[in-house]
Amino acid sequence: MTIDEFRAAPSTSLAGPLLALWWDARGDWDRAHEVAQDVGDADGAWVHAYLHRKEGDLSNAAYWYSRARRPAAKDDLAAEWERIVSELLARV
């Protein structure tokens, strides 16, 4: 699946971190965060970190990047979103 296909996919075809990012792409941060909170692995922590970074809560984001075993992102939020989606889609 490409990023464009991902953006157009119905939510029912997605789960976990990808579903959280799908909701984020639609401007529903709260729903995205709710989904990310329920994912207990490193990918969920990565998405959780991205969401807190987007929110502007950098100390909370730093905690979640650590849980994800990822360096804290410093680039544009849109670039990070695409990077996460691309990596997760490559594993599906």
Protein backbone atom coordinates (compact mmCIF):
# COMPACT_ATOMS: atom_id res chain seq x y z
CA MET A 1 0.00 0.00 0.00
CA THR A 2 1.29 3.46 -0.87
CA ILE A 3 0.92 6.51 1.36
CA ASP A 4 -1.80 7.84 -0.96
CA GLU A 5 -3.66 4.53 -0.74
CA PHE A 6 -3.22 4.62 3.03
CA ARG A 7 -4.71 8.10 3.21
CA ALA A 8 -7.74 6.90 1.22
CA ALA A 9 -8.16 3.56 3.02
CA PRO A 10 -11.23 3.02 5.18
CA SER A 11 -10.49 3.00 8.90
CA THR A 12 -11.91 -0.52 9.14
CA SER A 13 -8.94 -1.84 7.16
CA LEU A 14 -6.40 -0.52 9.68
CA ALA A 15 -5.38 -1.26 13.24
CA GLY A 16 -2.89 -0.21 15.89
CA PRO A 17 -0.31 2.44 15.09
CA LEU A 18 -1.44 2.80 11.48
CA LEU A 19 -5.00 3.47 12.59
CA ALA A 20 -3.71 6.14 14.99
CA LEU A 21 -1.81 7.82 12.17
CA TRP A 22 -4.88 7.55 9.91
CA TRP A 23 -6.94 9.45 12.50
CA ASP A 24 -4.17 12.00 12.90
CA ALA A 25 -4.17 12.61 9.14
CA ARG A 26 -7.86 13.47 9.44
CA GLY A 27 -7.19 16.04 12.13
CA ASP A 28 -8.53 13.95 15.01
CA TRP A 29 -5.60 14.10 17.45
CA ASP A 30 -7.70 12.87 20.37
CA ARG A 31 -8.83 9.73 18.57
CA ALA A 32 -5.31 9.13 17.27
CA HIS A 33 -3.94 9.45 20.80
CA GLU A 34 -6.60 7.12 22.18
CA VAL A 35 -5.63 4.44 19.66
CA ALA A 36 -1.89 4.94 20.22
CA GLN A 37 -2.30 4.58 23.98
CA ASP A 38 -3.73 1.10 23.46
CA VAL A 39 -0.71 -0.16 21.50
CA GLY A 40 1.80 -1.59 23.93
CA ASP A 41 4.78 -2.11 21.63
CA ALA A 42 7.61 0.06 20.30
CA ASP A 43 5.62 1.07 17.21
CA GLY A 44 2.80 2.33 19.41
CA ALA A 45 5.32 4.25 21.50
CA TRP A 46 6.78 5.80 18.34
CA VAL A 47 3.38 7.03 17.19
CA HIS A 48 2.62 8.17 20.73
CA ALA A 49 5.87 10.18 20.72
CA TYR A 50 5.01 11.77 17.38
CA LEU A 51 1.55 12.75 18.66
CA HIS A 52 2.93 14.39 21.81
CA ARG A 53 5.53 16.19 19.73
CA LYS A 54 2.72 17.45 17.50
CA GLU A 55 0.82 18.54 20.60
CA GLY A 56 3.88 20.50 21.72
CA ASP A 57 4.49 18.38 24.83
CA LEU A 58 8.17 17.74 24.12
CA SER A 59 9.06 16.23 27.49
CA ASN A 60 6.29 13.65 27.14
CA ALA A 61 7.34 13.05 23.54
CA ALA A 62 10.93 12.45 24.70
CA TYR A 63 9.69 9.79 27.12
CA TRP A 64 7.79 7.98 24.34
CA TYR A 65 10.71 8.21 21.88
CA SER A 66 12.80 6.54 24.57
CA ARG A 67 10.18 3.79 24.99
CA ALA A 68 10.19 3.35 21.21
CA ARG A 69 14.00 3.16 21.21
CA ARG A 70 14.09 5.97 18.64
CA PRO A 71 15.90 9.30 18.64
CA ALA A 72 13.64 12.29 19.15
CA ALA A 73 12.62 13.63 15.76
CA LYS A 74 13.67 17.16 14.93
CA ASP A 75 12.38 17.49 11.37
CA ASP A 76 9.04 18.68 10.07
CA LEU A 77 6.00 16.92 11.58
CA ALA A 78 4.67 16.01 8.12
CA ALA A 79 8.00 14.40 7.24
CA GLU A 80 7.98 12.40 10.46
CA TRP A 81 4.38 11.27 9.84
CA GLU A 82 5.34 10.05 6.36
CA ARG A 83 8.45 8.32 7.68
CA ILE A 84 6.49 6.42 10.32
CA VAL A 85 3.70 5.46 7.90
CA SER A 86 6.20 4.34 5.26
CA GLU A 87 8.10 2.14 7.69
CA LEU A 88 4.97 0.59 9.15
CA LEU A 89 3.43 -0.03 5.72
CA ALA A 90 6.64 -1.72 4.54
CA ARG A 91 6.14 -4.31 7.27
CA VAL A 92 2.54 -5.17 6.39
